[in-house]
Amino acid sequence: MTRAATSAIIAAAALCTGGQAQAQSRTYEPQGAWSVEQRDEYCALSREFGGAGEPVTLYFYSYGPMGSLRITLEGEDLPRNSNKARIGSAGFGDVADMQDLHVIVGQRGDAGTLNFLTYRPDGGLRFGYAWSAEWDVSMDVWFDPQATRLTVDTDEMEPLSLELGPMADALAELRACEQALFDSWDLDVPPAADLASPPVIENGRQVVRAIIRPPAMLINRSSQMVQVRLVINEAGEVDDCVLQSPNWRPRDARGVCRMFRDIGEYRPARNAAGEAVPGLLRGYYLMLIYD
């Protein structure tokens, strides 16, 4: 049955529903080492895993220090679609640790992809909203840096567990890449660790409602994970805005930033002395279309 997307905006919430996964899952072991790659707007931590079927590659995409990470699983045994939203489950641990959340099912070449978000508890630079359908499930799953397994499930596949192993060294490499990424932006803002409080958007829900979705996205009924970074000055105004992902045409990217500038209301960052200072605000929102 077709479920039409609505224009309702739902706040991100960590609703631990336990998932509807089966009791058993297939398990894939790591093949090779972790690798880190830096691009203009993100760092990618990746590793290949192998099991009874075709190998699966796991990617953690970071769009800056702290906050959310985008997770992508890619493999020929995974379900494939044209970026359709689904209700799935994921968790850092076993099937019992999973929670329901929005998953976008896509395709790269002959491989299927599963895309969802995880939020690191180091907090700070993050807000999130979903332009969603009628389900009230979480947008992201909490990331556990101590976990040694990631388990993922959708209605179109068996639960899949990836044996991550200890990740301390890989996460240290990712943090180094994130710092290099932050430095490459040449922003005149202090590091988040030096702030008593980060900048905050007061009306993110209103801003996201006002953003015009690109016509091609609506025609193709494709879902998107949108990442944006903003510099909020000491007066609570947007000094800089960059649409980090996806790679929309310049006119659409300018439209996103125009809404954040014209409609957004912000509290500036504060330093240890309680003074207002410029700060980096990173956010994401999901444009989810179900069919």
Protein backbone atom coordinates (compact mmCIF):
# COMPACT_ATOMS: atom_id res chain seq x y z
CA MET A 1 0.00 0.00 0.00
CA THR A 2 1.34 3.43 -0.90
CA ARG A 3 1.96 5.75 2.03
CA ALA A 4 2.04 9.38 0.98
CA ALA A 5 4.58 11.60 2.65
CA THR A 6 3.17 14.49 4.61
CA SER A 7 4.72 17.83 5.44
CA ALA A 8 4.75 17.17 9.17
CA ILE A 9 8.02 17.86 10.92
CA ILE A 10 8.88 15.59 13.81
CA ALA A 11 11.58 16.26 16.37
CA ALA A 12 14.41 13.79 16.67
CA ALA A 13 13.86 11.43 19.58
CA ALA A 14 15.72 8.37 20.79
CA LEU A 15 12.73 6.07 21.05
CA CYS A 16 14.10 2.69 22.06
CA THR A 17 11.40 0.36 20.81
CA GLY A 18 13.63 -2.67 20.78
CA GLY A 19 13.07 -3.28 17.06
CA GLN A 20 11.03 -5.96 15.37
CA ALA A 21 14.02 -7.99 14.22
CA GLN A 22 14.18 -11.73 14.12
CA ALA A 23 15.97 -13.59 16.88
CA GLN A 24 18.81 -14.65 14.59
CA SER A 25 21.13 -12.58 12.41
CA ARG A 26 23.84 -13.34 9.87
CA THR A 27 27.27 -12.22 11.01
CA TYR A 28 30.04 -10.76 8.84
CA GLU A 29 33.67 -10.60 9.94
CA PRO A 30 36.05 -7.75 8.99
CA GLN A 31 38.14 -8.10 5.84
CA GLY A 32 41.15 -5.80 5.92
CA ALA A 33 41.75 -2.70 8.00
CA TRP A 34 39.85 0.53 8.59
CA SER A 35 40.68 3.39 6.22
CA VAL A 36 40.01 7.13 6.48
CA GLU A 37 39.53 9.54 3.58
CA GLN A 38 39.13 13.33 3.76
CA ARG A 39 37.11 15.37 1.25
CA ASP A 40 36.14 19.05 1.21
CA GLU A 41 33.12 18.65 3.50
CA TYR A 42 33.41 15.24 5.12
CA CYS A 43 35.63 12.47 6.41
CA ALA A 44 34.84 8.84 5.58
CA LEU A 45 35.86 5.94 7.84
CA SER A 46 35.31 2.62 6.06
CA ARG A 47 35.95 -1.10 6.26
CA GLU A 48 34.90 -4.18 4.29
CA PHE A 49 33.15 -7.14 5.93
CA GLY A 50 32.64 -10.64 4.55
CA GLY A 51 30.31 -13.53 5.29
CA ALA A 52 28.24 -16.18 3.58
CA GLY A 53 27.16 -13.81 0.80
CA GLU A 54 28.74 -10.90 -1.04
CA PRO A 55 30.98 -8.57 1.01
CA VAL A 56 29.51 -5.47 2.64
CA THR A 57 31.38 -2.17 3.03
CA LEU A 58 30.57 -0.02 6.06
CA TYR A 59 31.08 3.76 5.90
CA PHE A 60 30.92 6.31 8.71
CA TYR A 61 30.60 9.78 7.13
CA SER A 62 31.44 12.70 9.41
CA TYR A 63 30.63 16.25 8.34
CA GLY A 64 32.62 17.83 11.16
CA PRO A 65 33.68 17.35 14.77
CA MET A 66 31.09 16.00 17.20
CA GLY A 67 27.41 15.43 16.61
CA SER A 68 25.92 13.06 14.06
CA LEU A 69 27.50 10.54 11.72
CA ARG A 70 25.91 9.16 8.59
CA ILE A 71 26.19 5.38 8.24
CA THR A 72 26.09 3.69 4.85
CA LEU A 73 26.20 -0.06 4.23
CA GLU A 74 26.93 -1.06 0.63
CA GLY A 75 26.78 -4.56 -0.84
CA GLU A 76 25.25 -6.64 -3.62
CA ASP A 77 23.29 -8.74 -1.10
CA LEU A 78 21.61 -5.66 0.38
CA PRO A 79 18.18 -4.39 -0.75
CA ARG A 80 18.33 -1.72 -3.45
CA ASN A 81 15.94 1.07 -4.32
CA SER A 82 15.92 4.66 -5.57
CA ASN A 83 16.44 6.35 -2.18
CA LYS A 84 13.12 5.28 -0.68
CA ALA A 85 12.53 5.66 3.03
CA ARG A 86 11.80 2.60 5.14
CA ILE A 87 11.32 1.80 8.79
CA GLY A 88 14.34 -0.23 9.84
CA SER A 89 16.19 -1.11 13.03
CA ALA A 90 19.80 -0.67 14.06
CA GLY A 91 21.92 -0.80 17.17
CA PHE A 92 25.49 -1.02 18.36
CA GLY A 93 25.35 -4.48 19.87
CA ASP A 94 23.08 -7.49 19.33
CA VAL A 95 19.51 -7.70 18.01
CA ALA A 96 18.21 -6.92 21.50
CA ASP A 97 20.04 -3.56 21.43
CA MET A 98 18.35 -2.34 18.26
CA GLN A 99 15.87 0.51 17.97
CA ASP A 100 13.51 1.46 15.18
CA LEU A 101 14.54 4.37 12.97
CA HIS A 102 14.24 5.79 9.46
CA VAL A 103 16.46 4.07 6.86
CA ILE A 104 16.94 5.23 3.26
CA VAL A 105 17.40 2.35 0.80
CA GLY A 106 19.48 3.33 -2.23
CA GLN A 107 21.81 1.91 -4.87
CA ARG A 108 25.40 2.39 -6.06
CA GLY A 109 26.04 0.61 -9.32
CA ASP A 110 24.93 -3.01 -8.83
CA ALA A 111 25.10 -2.74 -5.02
CA GLY A 112 22.29 -1.85 -2.65
CA THR A 113 22.80 0.68 0.13
CA LEU A 114 21.27 1.28 3.55
CA ASN A 115 21.65 4.79 4.96
CA PHE A 116 20.84 6.01 8.46
CA LEU A 117 22.20 8.31 11.16
CA THR A 118 23.96 7.75 14.45
CA TYR A 119 24.48 10.43 17.08
CA ARG A 120 27.63 10.56 19.17
CA PRO A 121 27.06 11.34 22.86
CA ASP A 122 29.88 13.93 22.82
CA GLY A 123 26.99 16.20 21.86
CA GLY A 124 27.32 19.81 20.90
CA LEU A 125 26.96 20.71 17.26
CA ARG A 126 23.68 19.18 16.19
CA PHE A 127 20.02 19.68 15.59
CA GLY A 128 17.78 17.36 13.64
CA TYR A 129 14.30 17.21 12.16
CA ALA A 130 12.54 14.93 9.69
CA TRP A 131 10.08 15.80 6.95
CA SER A 132 8.37 12.52 7.35
CA ALA A 133 5.45 10.20 6.93
CA GLU A 134 3.08 9.08 9.68
CA TRP A 135 5.47 6.94 11.70
CA ASP A 136 6.82 8.34 14.93
CA VAL A 137 10.23 6.69 15.18
CA SER A 138 13.70 8.04 15.85
CA MET A 139 15.88 9.74 13.28
CA ASP A 140 19.13 8.40 14.66
CA VAL A 141 20.55 5.71 16.90
CA TRP A 142 23.02 6.40 19.70
CA PHE A 143 26.61 5.58 18.80
CA ASP A 144 28.51 3.48 21.33
CA PRO A 145 32.29 3.82 20.79
CA GLN A 146 32.84 0.81 23.07
CA ALA A 147 30.59 -1.50 21.06
CA THR A 148 32.24 -4.16 18.92
CA ARG A 149 29.21 -5.04 16.79
CA LEU A 150 26.68 -3.19 14.62
CA THR A 151 23.38 -4.92 13.81
CA VAL A 152 21.00 -3.64 11.11
CA ASP A 153 17.61 -4.87 9.89
CA THR A 154 14.87 -3.90 7.44
CA ASP A 155 11.75 -5.74 6.26
CA GLU A 156 13.57 -6.52 2.99
CA MET A 157 16.44 -8.53 4.49
CA GLU A 158 17.57 -10.71 7.36
CA PRO A 159 19.22 -8.93 10.29
CA LEU A 160 22.90 -8.36 9.55
CA SER A 161 25.60 -8.06 12.23
CA LEU A 162 29.03 -6.64 11.45
CA GLU A 163 31.80 -7.57 13.88
CA LEU A 164 33.45 -4.16 14.26
CA GLY A 165 36.04 -5.19 16.83
CA PRO A 166 37.70 -2.56 19.06
CA MET A 167 37.38 0.82 17.33
CA ALA A 168 39.57 3.07 19.50
CA ASP A 169 42.37 3.43 16.94
CA ALA A 170 39.98 3.91 14.01
CA LEU A 171 37.98 6.55 15.88
CA ALA A 172 41.21 8.36 16.78
CA GLU A 173 42.03 8.50 13.06
CA LEU A 174 38.54 9.82 12.35
CA ARG A 175 38.93 12.54 15.00
CA ALA A 176 42.25 13.60 13.47
CA CYS A 177 40.57 13.78 10.06
CA GLU A 178 37.72 15.84 11.53
CA GLN A 179 40.16 18.30 13.05
CA ALA A 180 41.94 18.64 9.70
CA LEU A 181 38.54 19.14 8.06
CA PHE A 182 37.60 21.85 10.56
CA ASP A 183 40.94 23.58 10.04
CA SER A 184 40.51 23.48 6.25
CA TRP A 185 37.31 25.55 6.49
CA ASP A 186 39.35 28.43 7.99
CA LEU A 187 36.47 29.58 10.19
CA ASP A 188 37.01 32.31 12.75
CA VAL A 189 35.32 30.36 15.55
CA PRO A 190 36.70 28.63 18.64
CA PRO A 191 36.67 24.83 18.87
CA ALA A 192 33.53 23.43 20.43
CA ALA A 193 35.58 22.06 23.32
CA ASP A 194 36.48 25.63 24.32
CA LEU A 195 32.84 26.76 24.58
CA ALA A 196 30.68 26.74 27.68
CA SER A 197 27.65 26.37 25.42
CA PRO A 198 27.33 25.94 21.63
CA PRO A 199 25.10 28.02 19.37
CA VAL A 200 21.48 26.87 19.27
CA ILE A 201 18.74 27.22 16.67
CA GLU A 202 15.45 28.13 18.34
CA ASN A 203 13.05 27.42 15.47
CA GLY A 204 14.59 24.68 13.35
CA ARG A 205 11.18 23.15 12.79
CA GLN A 206 9.90 26.37 11.20
CA VAL A 207 13.00 26.72 9.02
CA VAL A 208 12.82 23.18 7.67
CA ARG A 209 9.11 23.60 6.88
CA ALA A 210 9.95 26.62 4.73
CA ILE A 211 12.69 24.96 2.67
CA ILE A 212 11.59 24.24 -0.89
CA ARG A 213 12.40 20.70 -1.94
CA PRO A 214 14.05 20.40 -5.38
CA PRO A 215 11.54 19.41 -8.09
CA ALA A 216 13.62 16.40 -9.17
CA MET A 217 13.43 15.01 -5.64
CA LEU A 218 9.64 15.18 -5.61
CA ILE A 219 9.25 13.88 -9.16
CA ASN A 220 11.52 10.89 -8.44
CA ARG A 221 10.08 10.50 -4.92
CA SER A 222 13.58 10.17 -3.49
CA SER A 223 14.51 10.72 0.14
CA GLN A 224 17.53 12.75 1.22
CA MET A 225 19.77 13.21 4.25
CA VAL A 226 20.69 16.89 4.36
CA GLN A 227 23.77 18.17 6.22
CA VAL A 228 24.36 21.89 6.73
CA ARG A 229 26.92 23.93 8.66
CA LEU A 230 26.36 27.45 9.90
CA VAL A 231 28.55 30.05 11.59
CA ILE A 232 26.44 31.95 14.12
CA ASN A 233 28.02 35.24 15.19
CA GLU A 234 27.89 36.81 18.65
CA ALA A 235 24.72 38.71 17.68
CA GLY A 236 22.90 35.47 16.86
CA GLU A 237 23.02 35.97 13.09
CA VAL A 238 24.21 33.64 10.32
CA ASP A 239 27.63 34.74 9.06
CA ASP A 240 28.25 31.68 6.89
CA CYS A 241 26.14 28.80 5.55
CA VAL A 242 27.25 25.74 3.56
CA LEU A 243 25.06 22.88 2.33
CA GLN A 244 27.47 19.99 2.88
CA SER A 245 25.28 17.21 1.53
CA PRO A 246 23.66 16.31 -0.83
CA ASN A 247 25.26 17.91 -3.86
CA TRP A 248 22.28 19.98 -4.98
CA ARG A 249 22.55 22.51 -7.77
CA PRO A 250 23.73 25.96 -6.56
CA ARG A 251 20.28 27.57 -6.78
CA ASP A 252 18.75 24.93 -4.50
CA ALA A 253 21.69 25.17 -2.07
CA ARG A 254 21.27 28.96 -1.90
CA GLY A 255 17.59 28.47 -1.17
CA VAL A 256 18.40 26.26 1.83
CA CYS A 257 20.81 28.83 3.23
CA ARG A 258 18.39 31.68 2.57
CA MET A 259 15.81 30.03 4.84
CA PHE A 260 18.36 29.57 7.61
CA ARG A 261 19.40 33.22 7.28
CA ASP A 262 15.97 34.82 6.87
CA ILE A 263 13.83 32.70 9.17
CA GLY A 264 16.24 31.13 11.63
CA GLU A 265 16.43 32.41 15.21
CA TYR A 266 19.61 31.60 17.13
CA ARG A 267 21.22 31.82 20.55
CA PRO A 268 24.94 32.52 20.13
CA ALA A 269 27.67 30.40 21.67
CA ARG A 270 29.10 31.41 25.05
CA ASN A 271 32.67 31.14 26.29
CA ALA A 272 33.76 30.22 29.80
CA ALA A 273 33.29 33.84 30.91
CA GLY A 274 29.69 33.80 29.69
CA GLU A 275 30.39 36.13 26.77
CA ALA A 276 28.69 35.67 23.41
CA VAL A 277 31.16 34.48 20.77
CA PRO A 278 30.90 33.13 17.19
CA GLY A 279 30.30 29.38 16.95
CA LEU A 280 29.81 26.57 14.47
CA LEU A 281 26.37 24.96 14.32
CA ARG A 282 26.03 21.74 12.33
CA GLY A 283 22.65 20.27 11.64
CA TYR A 284 20.89 17.62 9.65
CA TYR A 285 17.38 16.94 8.57
CA LEU A 286 15.79 14.06 6.71
CA MET A 287 13.50 14.52 3.74
CA LEU A 288 11.68 11.20 3.83
CA ILE A 289 9.36 9.93 1.12
CA TYR A 290 7.71 6.55 1.64
CA ASP A 291 5.98 4.52 -1.05
